[in-house]
Amino acid sequence: MSVDIPTIEPFAVTLDGLVPESLRPKTHKVALEDFVLMLDIGFHDCEIGNPQRLLVNVEVWLEEHAFAATDEIADAWNYDVIRSGILELVEGRRFNLQETVVREIYAMIAARKGVKALRVRSQKPDIYADCRAVGVSLASF
């Protein structure tokens, strides 16, 4: 005996108007977490010319219209743009300070359309044996 089970296509049901106003999203955020860069960074003699890990975290709060409302790629805030932009920014360069790296990443992303708030953090995880990491952060709030 076979049973016909009706199939339901994903997103076939529209729930517009069923979510109470009190539960409407108040923020829209995209993030890039623990992006590992190998950079020539630091001002101590032992650091210069010896690339080390730098972890970069980016949190971008978007205006509602800039957050994808459909399942279409064209509507999305593309993570590749953030990642590739950071790679282009640091490629072939040496930095004395994490502050410089973070400031430049921050400026690049803050200039993009639809950004409402922003936080960029960096951490050097291999500096002290008794610390998980040392780092800096810039935020618009």
N, C-alpha and C. Protein backbone atom coordinates (compact mmCIF):
# COMPACT_ATOMS: atom_id res chain seq x y z
N MET A 1 0.84 -1.17 0.00
CA MET A 1 0.00 0.00 0.00
C MET A 1 0.89 1.24 0.00
N SER A 2 0.63 2.14 -0.92
CA SER A 2 1.41 3.37 -0.96
C SER A 2 0.51 4.54 -0.57
N VAL A 3 1.17 5.49 0.04
CA VAL A 3 0.44 6.67 0.50
C VAL A 3 1.00 7.87 -0.23
N ASP A 4 0.15 8.68 -0.80
CA ASP A 4 0.59 9.91 -1.44
C ASP A 4 0.70 11.00 -0.38
N ILE A 5 1.92 11.50 -0.25
CA ILE A 5 2.15 12.58 0.71
C ILE A 5 2.32 13.87 -0.08
N PRO A 6 1.49 14.85 0.20
CA PRO A 6 1.62 16.10 -0.55
C PRO A 6 2.95 16.78 -0.22
N THR A 7 3.56 17.36 -1.23
CA THR A 7 4.81 18.09 -1.01
C THR A 7 4.51 19.57 -0.90
N ILE A 8 5.29 20.22 -0.07
CA ILE A 8 5.16 21.66 0.12
C ILE A 8 6.47 22.28 -0.30
N GLU A 9 6.43 23.18 -1.23
CA GLU A 9 7.65 23.83 -1.68
C GLU A 9 8.11 24.82 -0.61
N PRO A 10 9.44 24.92 -0.42
CA PRO A 10 9.94 25.88 0.56
C PRO A 10 9.48 27.30 0.23
N PHE A 11 9.17 28.02 1.22
CA PHE A 11 8.77 29.42 1.11
C PHE A 11 7.49 29.62 0.30
N ALA A 12 6.72 28.56 0.11
CA ALA A 12 5.47 28.69 -0.64
C ALA A 12 4.43 29.42 0.18
N VAL A 13 4.55 29.35 1.49
CA VAL A 13 3.58 30.00 2.37
C VAL A 13 4.13 31.37 2.75
N THR A 14 3.34 32.38 2.57
CA THR A 14 3.74 33.73 2.94
C THR A 14 3.20 34.04 4.32
N LEU A 15 4.10 34.50 5.19
CA LEU A 15 3.69 34.79 6.56
C LEU A 15 3.57 36.28 6.82
N ASP A 16 3.56 37.07 5.79
CA ASP A 16 3.44 38.52 5.96
C ASP A 16 2.23 38.84 6.82
N GLY A 17 2.45 39.70 7.78
CA GLY A 17 1.36 40.15 8.63
C GLY A 17 1.08 39.28 9.83
N LEU A 18 1.70 38.11 9.93
CA LEU A 18 1.44 37.21 11.05
C LEU A 18 2.40 37.43 12.21
N VAL A 19 3.54 38.06 11.96
CA VAL A 19 4.51 38.33 13.02
C VAL A 19 4.10 39.61 13.73
N PRO A 20 3.92 39.53 15.05
CA PRO A 20 3.52 40.74 15.79
C PRO A 20 4.56 41.85 15.65
N GLU A 21 4.11 43.07 15.65
CA GLU A 21 5.00 44.23 15.53
C GLU A 21 6.10 44.20 16.60
N SER A 22 5.78 43.72 17.79
CA SER A 22 6.77 43.68 18.87
C SER A 22 7.92 42.72 18.57
N LEU A 23 7.71 41.78 17.65
CA LEU A 23 8.76 40.82 17.29
C LEU A 23 9.43 41.15 15.95
N ARG A 24 9.09 42.28 15.38
CA ARG A 24 9.72 42.70 14.13
C ARG A 24 11.21 42.96 14.39
N PRO A 25 12.11 42.49 13.52
CA PRO A 25 13.54 42.71 13.73
C PRO A 25 13.87 44.20 13.87
N LYS A 26 14.70 44.49 14.84
CA LYS A 26 15.12 45.88 15.08
C LYS A 26 16.50 46.14 14.49
N THR A 27 17.29 45.08 14.32
CA THR A 27 18.63 45.24 13.75
C THR A 27 18.84 44.19 12.67
N HIS A 28 19.74 44.50 11.77
CA HIS A 28 20.09 43.62 10.66
C HIS A 28 21.62 43.62 10.59
N LYS A 29 22.22 42.47 10.75
CA LYS A 29 23.67 42.42 10.87
C LYS A 29 24.25 41.30 10.02
N VAL A 30 25.41 41.57 9.42
CA VAL A 30 26.22 40.54 8.79
C VAL A 30 27.58 40.57 9.46
N ALA A 31 28.26 39.42 9.48
CA ALA A 31 29.52 39.35 10.21
C ALA A 31 30.53 38.47 9.50
N LEU A 32 31.78 38.79 9.72
CA LEU A 32 32.92 37.99 9.30
C LEU A 32 33.71 37.73 10.57
N GLU A 33 33.81 36.47 10.97
CA GLU A 33 34.41 36.16 12.28
C GLU A 33 35.71 35.38 12.16
N ASP A 34 36.67 35.81 12.96
CA ASP A 34 37.98 35.15 13.07
C ASP A 34 38.62 34.87 11.72
N PHE A 35 38.62 35.89 10.87
CA PHE A 35 39.28 35.82 9.58
C PHE A 35 40.78 35.83 9.86
N VAL A 36 41.48 34.78 9.48
CA VAL A 36 42.90 34.62 9.79
C VAL A 36 43.75 35.22 8.67
N LEU A 37 44.53 36.21 9.04
CA LEU A 37 45.48 36.82 8.11
C LEU A 37 46.89 36.56 8.62
N MET A 38 47.80 36.27 7.73
CA MET A 38 49.21 36.17 8.08
C MET A 38 49.85 37.48 7.63
N LEU A 39 50.20 38.31 8.62
CA LEU A 39 50.72 39.64 8.30
C LEU A 39 52.07 39.89 8.93
N ASP A 40 52.85 40.70 8.24
CA ASP A 40 54.08 41.23 8.81
C ASP A 40 53.63 42.44 9.63
N ILE A 41 53.44 42.20 10.94
CA ILE A 41 52.88 43.24 11.79
C ILE A 41 53.60 43.25 13.13
N GLY A 42 53.86 44.44 13.63
CA GLY A 42 54.52 44.61 14.92
C GLY A 42 55.74 45.50 14.79
N PHE A 43 56.13 46.09 15.89
CA PHE A 43 57.26 47.02 15.85
C PHE A 43 58.49 46.50 16.60
N HIS A 44 58.35 45.38 17.28
CA HIS A 44 59.51 44.79 17.97
C HIS A 44 60.42 44.13 16.94
N ASP A 45 61.72 44.14 17.20
CA ASP A 45 62.69 43.56 16.27
C ASP A 45 62.33 42.11 15.90
N CYS A 46 61.88 41.34 16.88
CA CYS A 46 61.55 39.93 16.62
C CYS A 46 60.30 39.76 15.75
N GLU A 47 59.50 40.82 15.60
CA GLU A 47 58.27 40.74 14.80
C GLU A 47 58.50 41.16 13.35
N ILE A 48 59.41 42.09 13.14
CA ILE A 48 59.63 42.65 11.81
C ILE A 48 60.18 41.58 10.88
N GLY A 49 59.47 41.40 9.77
CA GLY A 49 59.89 40.40 8.79
C GLY A 49 59.44 38.98 9.10
N ASN A 50 58.73 38.80 10.21
CA ASN A 50 58.21 37.50 10.61
C ASN A 50 56.69 37.54 10.68
N PRO A 51 56.02 37.17 9.60
CA PRO A 51 54.55 37.22 9.59
C PRO A 51 53.95 36.46 10.77
N GLN A 52 52.89 37.01 11.31
CA GLN A 52 52.19 36.37 12.42
C GLN A 52 50.68 36.43 12.19
N ARG A 53 49.97 35.57 12.91
CA ARG A 53 48.51 35.52 12.75
C ARG A 53 47.86 36.76 13.31
N LEU A 54 46.92 37.27 12.55
CA LEU A 54 46.05 38.35 13.00
C LEU A 54 44.64 37.89 12.70
N LEU A 55 43.80 37.84 13.74
CA LEU A 55 42.40 37.48 13.57
C LEU A 55 41.59 38.76 13.44
N VAL A 56 40.77 38.82 12.40
CA VAL A 56 39.96 40.02 12.16
C VAL A 56 38.49 39.64 12.25
N ASN A 57 37.73 40.45 12.98
CA ASN A 57 36.29 40.28 13.12
C ASN A 57 35.61 41.57 12.67
N VAL A 58 34.60 41.41 11.83
CA VAL A 58 33.86 42.55 11.32
C VAL A 58 32.38 42.30 11.56
N GLU A 59 31.70 43.26 12.17
CA GLU A 59 30.26 43.21 12.35
C GLU A 59 29.68 44.46 11.70
N VAL A 60 28.77 44.25 10.76
CA VAL A 60 28.17 45.36 10.03
C VAL A 60 26.66 45.34 10.27
N TRP A 61 26.16 46.37 10.94
CA TRP A 61 24.72 46.52 11.11
C TRP A 61 24.24 47.33 9.91
N LEU A 62 23.19 46.82 9.28
CA LEU A 62 22.73 47.42 8.04
C LEU A 62 21.38 48.11 8.20
N GLU A 63 21.16 49.10 7.37
CA GLU A 63 19.83 49.68 7.26
C GLU A 63 18.91 48.58 6.73
N GLU A 64 17.66 48.64 7.09
CA GLU A 64 16.73 47.56 6.74
C GLU A 64 16.71 47.29 5.24
N HIS A 65 16.73 48.34 4.43
CA HIS A 65 16.67 48.14 2.97
C HIS A 65 17.91 47.45 2.41
N ALA A 66 19.03 47.48 3.14
CA ALA A 66 20.27 46.88 2.67
C ALA A 66 20.40 45.40 3.07
N PHE A 67 19.49 44.91 3.89
CA PHE A 67 19.50 43.52 4.34
C PHE A 67 18.59 42.71 3.43
N ALA A 68 19.09 41.62 2.88
CA ALA A 68 18.33 40.85 1.89
C ALA A 68 16.95 40.46 2.42
N ALA A 69 15.93 40.80 1.66
CA ALA A 69 14.55 40.45 2.03
C ALA A 69 14.04 39.28 1.19
N THR A 70 14.85 38.87 0.21
CA THR A 70 14.49 37.74 -0.63
C THR A 70 15.63 36.73 -0.59
N ASP A 71 15.47 35.63 -1.29
CA ASP A 71 16.51 34.61 -1.36
C ASP A 71 17.37 34.81 -2.61
N GLU A 72 17.38 36.01 -3.13
CA GLU A 72 18.14 36.33 -4.33
C GLU A 72 19.52 36.87 -3.97
N ILE A 73 20.53 36.34 -4.62
CA ILE A 73 21.92 36.75 -4.36
C ILE A 73 22.09 38.25 -4.57
N ALA A 74 21.44 38.79 -5.57
CA ALA A 74 21.57 40.21 -5.88
C ALA A 74 21.11 41.10 -4.73
N ASP A 75 20.25 40.59 -3.84
CA ASP A 75 19.74 41.37 -2.71
C ASP A 75 20.64 41.30 -1.48
N ALA A 76 21.62 40.42 -1.50
CA ALA A 76 22.44 40.17 -0.30
C ALA A 76 23.62 41.12 -0.21
N TRP A 77 24.03 41.37 1.03
CA TRP A 77 25.27 42.08 1.30
C TRP A 77 26.36 41.02 1.24
N ASN A 78 27.15 41.02 0.20
CA ASN A 78 28.07 39.94 -0.13
C ASN A 78 29.28 39.89 0.80
N TYR A 79 29.43 38.79 1.54
CA TYR A 79 30.58 38.62 2.44
C TYR A 79 31.89 38.62 1.66
N ASP A 80 31.83 38.15 0.41
CA ASP A 80 33.05 38.11 -0.41
C ASP A 80 33.64 39.51 -0.58
N VAL A 81 32.77 40.51 -0.65
CA VAL A 81 33.24 41.89 -0.82
C VAL A 81 34.04 42.32 0.40
N ILE A 82 33.58 41.96 1.59
CA ILE A 82 34.30 42.30 2.81
C ILE A 82 35.64 41.57 2.85
N ARG A 83 35.57 40.26 2.64
CA ARG A 83 36.78 39.42 2.72
C ARG A 83 37.82 39.82 1.68
N SER A 84 37.40 39.92 0.43
CA SER A 84 38.36 40.26 -0.63
C SER A 84 38.88 41.68 -0.47
N GLY A 85 38.03 42.58 0.02
CA GLY A 85 38.48 43.95 0.27
C GLY A 85 39.57 44.01 1.33
N ILE A 86 39.42 43.22 2.38
CA ILE A 86 40.45 43.17 3.43
C ILE A 86 41.74 42.59 2.85
N LEU A 87 41.62 41.52 2.08
CA LEU A 87 42.82 40.91 1.48
C LEU A 87 43.56 41.91 0.59
N GLU A 88 42.82 42.64 -0.23
CA GLU A 88 43.44 43.65 -1.10
C GLU A 88 44.10 44.75 -0.29
N LEU A 89 43.48 45.13 0.80
CA LEU A 89 43.98 46.21 1.64
C LEU A 89 45.33 45.86 2.28
N VAL A 90 45.51 44.61 2.69
CA VAL A 90 46.72 44.23 3.43
C VAL A 90 47.78 43.56 2.57
N GLU A 91 47.42 43.19 1.35
CA GLU A 91 48.34 42.43 0.50
C GLU A 91 49.66 43.17 0.27
N GLY A 92 50.77 42.46 0.57
CA GLY A 92 52.09 42.98 0.31
C GLY A 92 52.54 44.11 1.23
N ARG A 93 51.80 44.37 2.28
CA ARG A 93 52.13 45.48 3.18
C ARG A 93 52.64 44.97 4.51
N ARG A 94 53.37 45.83 5.20
CA ARG A 94 53.74 45.56 6.59
C ARG A 94 53.15 46.66 7.43
N PHE A 95 52.77 46.30 8.64
CA PHE A 95 52.15 47.24 9.57
C PHE A 95 52.90 47.22 10.88
N ASN A 96 53.02 48.37 11.51
CA ASN A 96 53.56 48.43 12.86
C ASN A 96 52.47 48.12 13.89
N LEU A 97 51.26 48.59 13.62
CA LEU A 97 50.20 48.56 14.63
C LEU A 97 48.92 47.91 14.14
N GLN A 98 48.26 47.18 15.04
CA GLN A 98 46.92 46.66 14.76
C GLN A 98 45.96 47.82 14.53
N GLU A 99 46.16 48.90 15.24
CA GLU A 99 45.28 50.06 15.11
C GLU A 99 45.19 50.53 13.66
N THR A 100 46.31 50.50 12.95
CA THR A 100 46.33 50.93 11.55
C THR A 100 45.50 49.99 10.69
N VAL A 101 45.68 48.69 10.87
CA VAL A 101 44.93 47.70 10.11
C VAL A 101 43.43 47.88 10.35
N VAL A 102 43.05 47.97 11.61
CA VAL A 102 41.64 48.10 11.97
C VAL A 102 41.05 49.40 11.43
N ARG A 103 41.79 50.49 11.54
CA ARG A 103 41.30 51.79 11.05
C ARG A 103 41.05 51.74 9.54
N GLU A 104 41.94 51.12 8.80
CA GLU A 104 41.78 51.06 7.34
C GLU A 104 40.62 50.15 6.93
N ILE A 105 40.47 49.02 7.61
CA ILE A 105 39.33 48.13 7.33
C ILE A 105 38.03 48.85 7.66
N TYR A 106 38.02 49.52 8.80
CA TYR A 106 36.83 50.26 9.24
C TYR A 106 36.42 51.29 8.19
N ALA A 107 37.38 52.09 7.72
CA ALA A 107 37.08 53.14 6.74
C ALA A 107 36.55 52.55 5.44
N MET A 108 37.12 51.43 5.01
CA MET A 108 36.69 50.79 3.77
C MET A 108 35.22 50.35 3.86
N ILE A 109 34.85 49.75 4.98
CA ILE A 109 33.48 49.23 5.13
C ILE A 109 32.50 50.35 5.45
N ALA A 110 32.90 51.30 6.27
CA ALA A 110 32.01 52.41 6.64
C ALA A 110 31.59 53.23 5.42
N ALA A 111 32.41 53.24 4.38
CA ALA A 111 32.11 54.02 3.18
C ALA A 111 31.07 53.34 2.30
N ARG A 112 30.73 52.09 2.59
CA ARG A 112 29.78 51.35 1.76
C ARG A 112 28.34 51.77 2.06
N LYS A 113 27.52 51.68 1.06
CA LYS A 113 26.11 52.05 1.17
C LYS A 113 25.35 51.09 2.09
N GLY A 114 24.48 51.64 2.93
CA GLY A 114 23.60 50.82 3.77
C GLY A 114 24.14 50.52 5.15
N VAL A 115 25.38 50.94 5.45
CA VAL A 115 25.96 50.66 6.76
C VAL A 115 25.35 51.61 7.79
N LYS A 116 24.83 51.02 8.86
CA LYS A 116 24.18 51.78 9.93
C LYS A 116 25.08 51.87 11.15
N ALA A 117 25.81 50.80 11.42
CA ALA A 117 26.77 50.75 12.54
C ALA A 117 27.83 49.72 12.18
N LEU A 118 28.96 49.83 12.84
CA LEU A 118 30.09 48.99 12.46
C LEU A 118 31.02 48.76 13.64
N ARG A 119 31.54 47.52 13.71
CA ARG A 119 32.61 47.22 14.66
C ARG A 119 33.64 46.37 13.93
N VAL A 120 34.91 46.76 14.06
CA VAL A 120 36.02 46.00 13.51
C VAL A 120 37.00 45.74 14.65
N ARG A 121 37.35 44.46 14.82
CA ARG A 121 38.30 44.06 15.87
C ARG A 121 39.43 43.27 15.25
N SER A 122 40.60 43.38 15.86
CA SER A 122 41.70 42.51 15.48
C SER A 122 42.33 41.96 16.74
N GLN A 123 42.92 40.77 16.60
CA GLN A 123 43.59 40.13 17.73
C GLN A 123 44.82 39.40 17.25
N LYS A 124 45.90 39.52 18.00
CA LYS A 124 47.10 38.72 17.77
C LYS A 124 47.07 37.61 18.83
N PRO A 125 46.81 36.37 18.40
CA PRO A 125 46.63 35.29 19.38
C PRO A 125 47.93 34.63 19.86
N ASP A 126 49.05 34.98 19.27
CA ASP A 126 50.29 34.25 19.59
C ASP A 126 51.32 35.11 20.31
N ILE A 127 50.89 36.11 21.05
CA ILE A 127 51.83 37.04 21.69
C ILE A 127 52.26 36.56 23.07
N TYR A 128 51.31 36.27 23.94
CA TYR A 128 51.62 35.86 25.31
C TYR A 128 51.06 34.47 25.59
N ALA A 129 51.83 33.67 26.26
CA ALA A 129 51.38 32.30 26.59
C ALA A 129 50.22 32.33 27.59
N ASP A 130 50.15 33.37 28.41
CA ASP A 130 49.10 33.42 29.44
C ASP A 130 47.90 34.30 29.04
N CYS A 131 47.80 34.65 27.75
CA CYS A 131 46.65 35.42 27.24
C CYS A 131 46.16 34.77 25.96
N ARG A 132 44.85 34.68 25.81
CA ARG A 132 44.29 34.12 24.58
C ARG A 132 44.67 34.99 23.38
N ALA A 133 44.68 36.33 23.58
CA ALA A 133 45.02 37.24 22.48
C ALA A 133 45.15 38.65 23.02
N VAL A 134 45.77 39.50 22.21
CA VAL A 134 45.80 40.94 22.47
C VAL A 134 45.23 41.62 21.23
N GLY A 135 44.45 42.67 21.43
CA GLY A 135 43.81 43.25 20.26
C GLY A 135 43.28 44.65 20.46
N VAL A 136 42.71 45.14 19.38
CA VAL A 136 42.12 46.47 19.37
C VAL A 136 40.76 46.41 18.68
N SER A 137 39.94 47.43 18.90
CA SER A 137 38.59 47.45 18.35
C SER A 137 38.18 48.89 18.05
N LEU A 138 37.47 49.07 16.97
CA LEU A 138 36.82 50.34 16.66
C LEU A 138 35.35 50.06 16.44
N ALA A 139 34.49 50.93 16.98
CA ALA A 139 33.06 50.75 16.80
C ALA A 139 32.39 52.10 16.67
N SER A 140 31.29 52.12 15.96
CA SER A 140 30.55 53.37 15.77
C SER A 140 29.57 53.63 16.90
N PHE A 141 29.58 52.81 17.93
CA PHE A 141 28.63 52.96 19.04
C PHE A 141 29.35 52.84 20.36
